[in-house]
């Protein structure tokens, strides 16, 4: 399982699911990180937290621990 927190800078992926059943997971879903959405990693803070991702035509900043709740699937050409 790969998570959004592991996506490298410039990487693209598709959201599979958001794990957890608490308020944070619900908020992540409300921000648009729903299954099937394409995302790309556009930046991170100097110490690596928070992360900046692009989805649905806007940019979103997430903490690494929040991004770790988002399971992703890499495109076939990006997988190792």
PDB file of N, CA and C in Angstrom:
ATOM      1  N   UNK A   1       0.844  -1.178   0.000  1.00  0.00           N
ATOM      2  CA  UNK A   1       0.000   0.000   0.000  1.00  0.00           C
ATOM      3  C   UNK A   1       0.889   1.242   0.000  1.00  0.00           C
ATOM      4  N   UNK A   2       0.610   2.146  -0.916  1.00  0.00           N
ATOM      5  CA  UNK A   2       1.325   3.407  -1.001  1.00  0.00           C
ATOM      6  C   UNK A   2       0.390   4.515  -0.530  1.00  0.00           C
ATOM      7  N   UNK A   3       0.954   5.479   0.194  1.00  0.00           N
ATOM      8  CA  UNK A   3       0.136   6.586   0.677  1.00  0.00           C
ATOM      9  C   UNK A   3       0.577   7.887   0.037  1.00  0.00           C
ATOM     10  N   UNK A   4      -0.268   8.877   0.155  1.00  0.00           N
ATOM     11  CA  UNK A   4       0.019  10.196  -0.404  1.00  0.00           C
ATOM     12  C   UNK A   4       1.273  10.798   0.230  1.00  0.00           C
ATOM     13  N   UNK A   5       1.554  10.465   1.465  1.00  0.00           N
ATOM     14  CA  UNK A   5       2.754  10.977   2.142  1.00  0.00           C
ATOM     15  C   UNK A   5       4.033  10.473   1.483  1.00  0.00           C
ATOM     16  N   UNK A   6       3.973   9.370   0.751  1.00  0.00           N
ATOM     17  CA  UNK A   6       5.139   8.772   0.104  1.00  0.00           C
ATOM     18  C   UNK A   6       5.319   9.210  -1.347  1.00  0.00           C
ATOM     19  N   UNK A   7       4.370   9.950  -1.887  1.00  0.00           N
ATOM     20  CA  UNK A   7       4.434  10.381  -3.286  1.00  0.00           C
ATOM     21  C   UNK A   7       5.573  11.387  -3.463  1.00  0.00           C
ATOM     22  N   UNK A   8       6.487  11.157  -4.403  1.00  0.00           N
ATOM     23  CA  UNK A   8       7.616  12.075  -4.585  1.00  0.00           C
ATOM     24  C   UNK A   8       7.183  13.382  -5.257  1.00  0.00           C
ATOM     25  N   UNK A   9       8.012  14.398  -5.120  1.00  0.00           N
ATOM     26  CA  UNK A   9       7.764  15.683  -5.751  1.00  0.00           C
ATOM     27  C   UNK A   9       7.617  15.490  -7.260  1.00  0.00           C
ATOM     28  N   UNK A  10       6.553  16.016  -7.828  1.00  0.00           N
ATOM     29  CA  UNK A  10       6.277  15.862  -9.250  1.00  0.00           C
ATOM     30  C   UNK A  10       5.510  14.593  -9.582  1.00  0.00           C
ATOM     31  N   UNK A  11       5.308  13.727  -8.590  1.00  0.00           N
ATOM     32  CA  UNK A  11       4.602  12.471  -8.814  1.00  0.00           C
ATOM     33  C   UNK A  11       3.104  12.663  -8.957  1.00  0.00           C
ATOM     34  N   UNK A  12       2.492  11.745  -9.683  1.00  0.00           N
ATOM     35  CA  UNK A  12       1.038  11.758  -9.881  1.00  0.00           C
ATOM     36  C   UNK A  12       0.459  10.428  -9.457  1.00  0.00           C
ATOM     37  N   UNK A  13      -0.778  10.456  -8.977  1.00  0.00           N
ATOM     38  CA  UNK A  13      -1.428   9.234  -8.522  1.00  0.00           C
ATOM     39  C   UNK A  13      -2.937   9.436  -8.528  1.00  0.00           C
ATOM     40  N   UNK A  14      -3.638   8.340  -8.228  1.00  0.00           N
ATOM     41  CA  UNK A  14      -5.088   8.359  -8.096  1.00  0.00           C
ATOM     42  C   UNK A  14      -5.431   7.884  -6.685  1.00  0.00           C
ATOM     43  N   UNK A  15      -6.343   8.586  -6.039  1.00  0.00           N
ATOM     44  CA  UNK A  15      -6.753   8.228  -4.681  1.00  0.00           C
ATOM     45  C   UNK A  15      -7.569   6.946  -4.714  1.00  0.00           C
ATOM     46  N   UNK A  16      -7.205   5.990  -3.849  1.00  0.00           N
ATOM     47  CA  UNK A  16      -7.966   4.752  -3.708  1.00  0.00           C
ATOM     48  C   UNK A  16      -8.974   4.857  -2.572  1.00  0.00           C
ATOM     49  N   UNK A  17      -8.499   5.306  -1.407  1.00  0.00           N
ATOM     50  CA  UNK A  17      -9.389   5.457  -0.262  1.00  0.00           C
ATOM     51  C   UNK A  17      -8.711   6.289   0.811  1.00  0.00           C
ATOM     52  N   UNK A  18      -9.537   6.801   1.731  1.00  0.00           N
ATOM     53  CA  UNK A  18      -9.043   7.486   2.917  1.00  0.00           C
ATOM     54  C   UNK A  18      -9.335   6.564   4.087  1.00  0.00           C
ATOM     55  N   UNK A  19      -8.302   6.190   4.827  1.00  0.00           N
ATOM     56  CA  UNK A  19      -8.473   5.259   5.931  1.00  0.00           C
ATOM     57  C   UNK A  19      -8.852   6.003   7.210  1.00  0.00           C
ATOM     58  N   UNK A  20      -9.506   5.291   8.099  1.00  0.00           N
ATOM     59  CA  UNK A  20      -9.925   5.858   9.376  1.00  0.00           C
ATOM     60  C   UNK A  20     -11.368   6.297   9.324  1.00  0.00           C
ATOM     61  N   UNK A  21     -11.964   6.379  10.501  1.00  0.00           N
ATOM     62  CA  UNK A  21     -13.366   6.770  10.570  1.00  0.00           C
ATOM     63  C   UNK A  21     -13.584   7.940  11.508  1.00  0.00           C
ATOM     64  N   UNK A  22     -12.536   8.745  11.720  1.00  0.00           N
ATOM     65  CA  UNK A  22     -12.649   9.865  12.641  1.00  0.00           C
ATOM     66  C   UNK A  22     -12.893  11.181  11.901  1.00  0.00           C
ATOM     67  N   UNK A  23     -12.884  12.280  12.658  1.00  0.00           N
ATOM     68  CA  UNK A  23     -13.159  13.597  12.083  1.00  0.00           C
ATOM     69  C   UNK A  23     -12.103  14.032  11.073  1.00  0.00           C
ATOM     70  N   UNK A  24     -10.863  13.652  11.304  1.00  0.00           N
ATOM     71  CA  UNK A  24      -9.800  14.048  10.372  1.00  0.00           C
ATOM     72  C   UNK A  24     -10.005  13.384   9.019  1.00  0.00           C
ATOM     73  N   UNK A  25     -10.312  12.095   9.009  1.00  0.00           N
ATOM     74  CA  UNK A  25     -10.563  11.393   7.748  1.00  0.00           C
ATOM     75  C   UNK A  25     -11.756  11.984   7.015  1.00  0.00           C
ATOM     76  N   UNK A  26     -12.799  12.317   7.755  1.00  0.00           N
ATOM     77  CA  UNK A  26     -13.978  12.933   7.150  1.00  0.00           C
ATOM     78  C   UNK A  26     -13.622  14.280   6.536  1.00  0.00           C
ATOM     79  N   UNK A  27     -12.807  15.054   7.229  1.00  0.00           N
ATOM     80  CA  UNK A  27     -12.410  16.366   6.716  1.00  0.00           C
ATOM     81  C   UNK A  27     -11.567  16.226   5.446  1.00  0.00           C
ATOM     82  N   UNK A  28     -10.701  15.231   5.408  1.00  0.00           N
ATOM     83  CA  UNK A  28      -9.895  14.980   4.210  1.00  0.00           C
ATOM     84  C   UNK A  28     -10.802  14.686   3.021  1.00  0.00           C
ATOM     85  N   UNK A  29     -11.823  13.878   3.242  1.00  0.00           N
ATOM     86  CA  UNK A  29     -12.792  13.581   2.180  1.00  0.00           C
ATOM     87  C   UNK A  29     -13.538  14.844   1.752  1.00  0.00           C
ATOM     88  N   UNK A  30     -13.923  15.672   2.712  1.00  0.00           N
ATOM     89  CA  UNK A  30     -14.642  16.910   2.399  1.00  0.00           C
ATOM     90  C   UNK A  30     -13.792  17.881   1.587  1.00  0.00           C
ATOM     91  N   UNK A  31     -12.472  17.807   1.738  1.00  0.00           N
ATOM     92  CA  UNK A  31     -11.581  18.684   0.982  1.00  0.00           C
ATOM     93  C   UNK A  31     -11.383  18.204  -0.450  1.00  0.00           C
ATOM     94  N   UNK A  32     -11.993  17.093  -0.824  1.00  0.00           N
ATOM     95  CA  UNK A  32     -11.960  16.642  -2.206  1.00  0.00           C
ATOM     96  C   UNK A  32     -11.106  15.425  -2.474  1.00  0.00           C
ATOM     97  N   UNK A  33     -10.442  14.875  -1.467  1.00  0.00           N
ATOM     98  CA  UNK A  33      -9.617  13.682  -1.667  1.00  0.00           C
ATOM     99  C   UNK A  33     -10.489  12.439  -1.574  1.00  0.00           C
ATOM    100  N   UNK A  34     -11.277  12.240  -2.607  1.00  0.00           N
ATOM    101  CA  UNK A  34     -12.203  11.117  -2.660  1.00  0.00           C
ATOM    102  C   UNK A  34     -11.676  10.065  -3.640  1.00  0.00           C
ATOM    103  N   UNK A  35     -12.116   8.821  -3.493  1.00  0.00           N
ATOM    104  CA  UNK A  35     -11.647   7.763  -4.404  1.00  0.00           C
ATOM    105  C   UNK A  35     -11.855   8.131  -5.877  1.00  0.00           C
ATOM    106  N   UNK A  36     -10.802   7.883  -6.669  1.00  0.00           N
ATOM    107  CA  UNK A  36     -10.862   8.152  -8.103  1.00  0.00           C
ATOM    108  C   UNK A  36     -10.287   9.489  -8.522  1.00  0.00           C
ATOM    109  N   UNK A  37      -9.983  10.357  -7.579  1.00  0.00           N
ATOM    110  CA  UNK A  37      -9.463  11.689  -7.908  1.00  0.00           C
ATOM    111  C   UNK A  37      -7.966  11.620  -8.212  1.00  0.00           C
ATOM    112  N   UNK A  38      -7.561  12.291  -9.286  1.00  0.00           N
ATOM    113  CA  UNK A  38      -6.141  12.376  -9.640  1.00  0.00           C
ATOM    114  C   UNK A  38      -5.492  13.478  -8.819  1.00  0.00           C
ATOM    115  N   UNK A  39      -4.307  13.195  -8.280  1.00  0.00           N
ATOM    116  CA  UNK A  39      -3.556  14.165  -7.488  1.00  0.00           C
ATOM    117  C   UNK A  39      -2.122  14.224  -7.979  1.00  0.00           C
ATOM    118  N   UNK A  40      -1.471  15.357  -7.717  1.00  0.00           N
ATOM    119  CA  UNK A  40      -0.045  15.470  -8.025  1.00  0.00           C
ATOM    120  C   UNK A  40       0.631  16.209  -6.879  1.00  0.00           C
ATOM    121  N   UNK A  41       1.867  15.830  -6.592  1.00  0.00           N
ATOM    122  CA  UNK A  41       2.650  16.451  -5.525  1.00  0.00           C
ATOM    123  C   UNK A  41       3.394  17.633  -6.128  1.00  0.00           C
ATOM    124  N   UNK A  42       3.109  18.832  -5.634  1.00  0.00           N
ATOM    125  CA  UNK A  42       3.725  20.021  -6.216  1.00  0.00           C
ATOM    126  C   UNK A  42       4.753  20.673  -5.301  1.00  0.00           C
ATOM    127  N   UNK A  43       4.789  20.297  -4.034  1.00  0.00           N
ATOM    128  CA  UNK A  43       5.783  20.899  -3.165  1.00  0.00           C
ATOM    129  C   UNK A  43       5.689  20.412  -1.743  1.00  0.00           C
ATOM    130  N   UNK A  44       6.700  20.813  -0.969  1.00  0.00           N
ATOM    131  CA  UNK A  44       6.696  20.533   0.467  1.00  0.00           C
ATOM    132  C   UNK A  44       7.499  21.623   1.157  1.00  0.00           C
ATOM    133  N   UNK A  45       7.246  21.794   2.433  1.00  0.00           N
ATOM    134  CA  UNK A  45       7.984  22.769   3.220  1.00  0.00           C
ATOM    135  C   UNK A  45       9.442  22.315   3.338  1.00  0.00           C
ATOM    136  N   UNK A  46      10.347  23.208   3.699  1.00  0.00           N
ATOM    137  CA  UNK A  46      11.763  22.840   3.777  1.00  0.00           C
ATOM    138  C   UNK A  46      12.066  21.611   4.637  1.00  0.00           C
ATOM    139  N   UNK A  47      11.340  21.399   5.697  1.00  0.00           N
ATOM    140  CA  UNK A  47      11.566  20.225   6.545  1.00  0.00           C
ATOM    141  C   UNK A  47      10.656  19.052   6.171  1.00  0.00           C
ATOM    142  N   UNK A  48       9.923  19.191   5.054  1.00  0.00           N
ATOM    143  CA  UNK A  48       9.107  18.092   4.553  1.00  0.00           C
ATOM    144  C   UNK A  48       7.680  18.040   5.052  1.00  0.00           C
ATOM    145  N   UNK A  49       7.269  18.991   5.862  1.00  0.00           N
ATOM    146  CA  UNK A  49       5.911  18.978   6.405  1.00  0.00           C
ATOM    147  C   UNK A  49       5.456  20.418   6.579  1.00  0.00           C
ATOM    148  N   UNK A  50       4.385  20.876   5.989  1.00  0.00           N
ATOM    149  CA  UNK A  50       3.348  20.129   5.276  1.00  0.00           C
ATOM    150  C   UNK A  50       3.696  19.887   3.807  1.00  0.00           C
ATOM    151  N   UNK A  51       2.823  19.118   3.161  1.00  0.00           N
ATOM    152  CA  UNK A  51       2.944  18.797   1.742  1.00  0.00           C
ATOM    153  C   UNK A  51       1.924  19.620   0.969  1.00  0.00           C
ATOM    154  N   UNK A  52       2.257  19.974  -0.266  1.00  0.00           N
ATOM    155  CA  UNK A  52       1.322  20.689  -1.124  1.00  0.00           C
ATOM    156  C   UNK A  52       0.974  19.806  -2.311  1.00  0.00           C
ATOM    157  N   UNK A  53      -0.313  19.544  -2.463  1.00  0.00           N
ATOM    158  CA  UNK A  53      -0.776  18.709  -3.570  1.00  0.00           C
ATOM    159  C   UNK A  53      -1.761  19.497  -4.422  1.00  0.00           C
ATOM    160  N   UNK A  54      -1.901  19.050  -5.667  1.00  0.00           N
ATOM    161  CA  UNK A  54      -2.865  19.674  -6.566  1.00  0.00           C
ATOM    162  C   UNK A  54      -3.905  18.637  -6.946  1.00  0.00           C
ATOM    163  N   UNK A  55      -5.165  19.041  -6.863  1.00  0.00           N
ATOM    164  CA  UNK A  55      -6.272  18.178  -7.238  1.00  0.00           C
ATOM    165  C   UNK A  55      -7.466  19.043  -7.612  1.00  0.00           C
ATOM    166  N   UNK A  56      -8.273  18.567  -8.515  1.00  0.00           N
ATOM    167  CA  UNK A  56      -9.513  19.247  -8.900  1.00  0.00           C
ATOM    168  C   UNK A  56      -9.319  20.732  -9.229  1.00  0.00           C
ATOM    169  N   UNK A  57      -8.150  21.100  -9.743  1.00  0.00           N
ATOM    170  CA  UNK A  57      -7.917  22.473 -10.148  1.00  0.00           C
ATOM    171  C   UNK A  57      -7.505  23.417  -9.025  1.00  0.00           C
ATOM    172  N   UNK A  58      -7.188  22.909  -7.848  1.00  0.00           N
ATOM    173  CA  UNK A  58      -6.711  23.770  -6.773  1.00  0.00           C
ATOM    174  C   UNK A  58      -5.597  23.075  -6.002  1.00  0.00           C
ATOM    175  N   UNK A  59      -4.897  23.836  -5.179  1.00  0.00           N
ATOM    176  CA  UNK A  59      -3.802  23.295  -4.370  1.00  0.00           C
ATOM    177  C   UNK A  59      -4.237  23.187  -2.922  1.00  0.00           C
ATOM    178  N   UNK A  60      -3.760  22.145  -2.276  1.00  0.00           N
ATOM    179  CA  UNK A  60      -4.144  21.834  -0.908  1.00  0.00           C
ATOM    180  C   UNK A  60      -2.901  21.475  -0.118  1.00  0.00           C
ATOM    181  N   UNK A  61      -2.788  22.009   1.085  1.00  0.00           N
ATOM    182  CA  UNK A  61      -1.682  21.652   1.971  1.00  0.00           C
ATOM    183  C   UNK A  61      -2.191  20.689   3.028  1.00  0.00           C
ATOM    184  N   UNK A  62      -1.441  19.618   3.231  1.00  0.00           N
ATOM    185  CA  UNK A  62      -1.775  18.604   4.233  1.00  0.00           C
ATOM    186  C   UNK A  62      -0.541  18.289   5.063  1.00  0.00           C
ATOM    187  N   UNK A  63      -0.752  17.998   6.328  1.00  0.00           N
ATOM    188  CA  UNK A  63       0.334  17.486   7.149  1.00  0.00           C
ATOM    189  C   UNK A  63       0.661  16.076   6.676  1.00  0.00           C
ATOM    190  N   UNK A  64       1.888  15.650   6.922  1.00  0.00           N
ATOM    191  CA  UNK A  64       2.292  14.304   6.500  1.00  0.00           C
ATOM    192  C   UNK A  64       1.446  13.228   7.163  1.00  0.00           C
ATOM    193  N   UNK A  65       1.090  13.416   8.435  1.00  0.00           N
ATOM    194  CA  UNK A  65       0.288  12.392   9.108  1.00  0.00           C
ATOM    195  C   UNK A  65      -1.125  12.319   8.529  1.00  0.00           C
ATOM    196  N   UNK A  66      -1.627  13.423   7.993  1.00  0.00           N
ATOM    197  CA  UNK A  66      -2.922  13.399   7.313  1.00  0.00           C
ATOM    198  C   UNK A  66      -2.788  12.728   5.948  1.00  0.00           C
ATOM    199  N   UNK A  67      -1.724  13.061   5.218  1.00  0.00           N
ATOM    200  CA  UNK A  67      -1.487  12.469   3.897  1.00  0.00           C
ATOM    201  C   UNK A  67      -1.266  10.957   3.994  1.00  0.00           C
ATOM    202  N   UNK A  68      -0.770  10.497   5.128  1.00  0.00           N
ATOM    203  CA  UNK A  68      -0.535   9.061   5.319  1.00  0.00           C
ATOM    204  C   UNK A  68      -1.842   8.279   5.411  1.00  0.00           C
ATOM    205  N   UNK A  69      -2.942   8.945   5.617  1.00  0.00           N
ATOM    206  CA  UNK A  69      -4.253   8.289   5.660  1.00  0.00           C
ATOM    207  C   UNK A  69      -4.847   8.052   4.273  1.00  0.00           C
ATOM    208  N   UNK A  70      -4.244   8.674   3.256  1.00  0.00           N
ATOM    209  CA  UNK A  70      -4.782   8.607   1.890  1.00  0.00           C
ATOM    210  C   UNK A  70      -4.010   7.554   1.103  1.00  0.00           C
ATOM    211  N   UNK A  71      -4.669   6.449   0.803  1.00  0.00           N
ATOM    212  CA  UNK A  71      -4.062   5.390  -0.007  1.00  0.00           C
ATOM    213  C   UNK A  71      -4.183   5.773  -1.467  1.00  0.00           C
ATOM    214  N   UNK A  72      -3.094   5.581  -2.222  1.00  0.00           N
ATOM    215  CA  UNK A  72      -3.056   5.979  -3.625  1.00  0.00           C
ATOM    216  C   UNK A  72      -2.597   4.821  -4.507  1.00  0.00           C
ATOM    217  N   UNK A  73      -2.862   4.987  -5.784  1.00  0.00           N
ATOM    218  CA  UNK A  73      -2.383   4.045  -6.797  1.00  0.00           C
ATOM    219  C   UNK A  73      -1.570   4.852  -7.805  1.00  0.00           C
ATOM    220  N   UNK A  74      -0.356   4.422  -8.030  1.00  0.00           N
ATOM    221  CA  UNK A  74       0.512   5.098  -9.000  1.00  0.00           C
ATOM    222  C   UNK A  74       0.166   4.655 -10.401  1.00  0.00           C
ATOM    223  N   UNK A  75       0.309   5.535 -11.388  1.00  0.00           N
ATOM    224  CA  UNK A  75       0.110   5.117 -12.777  1.00  0.00           C
ATOM    225  C   UNK A  75       1.136   4.034 -13.142  1.00  0.00           C
ATOM    226  N   UNK A  76       0.826   3.195 -14.072  1.00  0.00           N
ATOM    227  CA  UNK A  76       1.701   2.085 -14.455  1.00  0.00           C
ATOM    228  C   UNK A  76       3.086   2.569 -14.842  1.00  0.00           C
ATOM    229  N   UNK A  77       3.202   3.718 -15.502  1.00  0.00           N
ATOM    230  CA  UNK A  77       4.507   4.214 -15.935  1.00  0.00           C
ATOM    231  C   UNK A  77       5.349   4.740 -14.784  1.00  0.00           C
ATOM    232  N   UNK A  78       4.728   5.102 -13.628  1.00  0.00           N
ATOM    233  CA  UNK A  78       5.454   5.636 -12.479  1.00  0.00           C
ATOM    234  C   UNK A  78       5.826   4.576 -11.453  1.00  0.00           C
ATOM    235  N   UNK A  79       5.251   3.383 -11.551  1.00  0.00           N
ATOM    236  CA  UNK A  79       5.532   2.359 -10.551  1.00  0.00           C
ATOM    237  C   UNK A  79       6.868   1.696 -10.834  1.00  0.00           C
ATOM    238  N   UNK A  80       7.496   1.212  -9.787  1.00  0.00           N
ATOM    239  CA  UNK A  80       8.830   0.600  -9.924  1.00  0.00           C
ATOM    240  C   UNK A  80       8.727  -0.889  -9.985  1.00  0.00           C
TER     241      UNK A  80
END
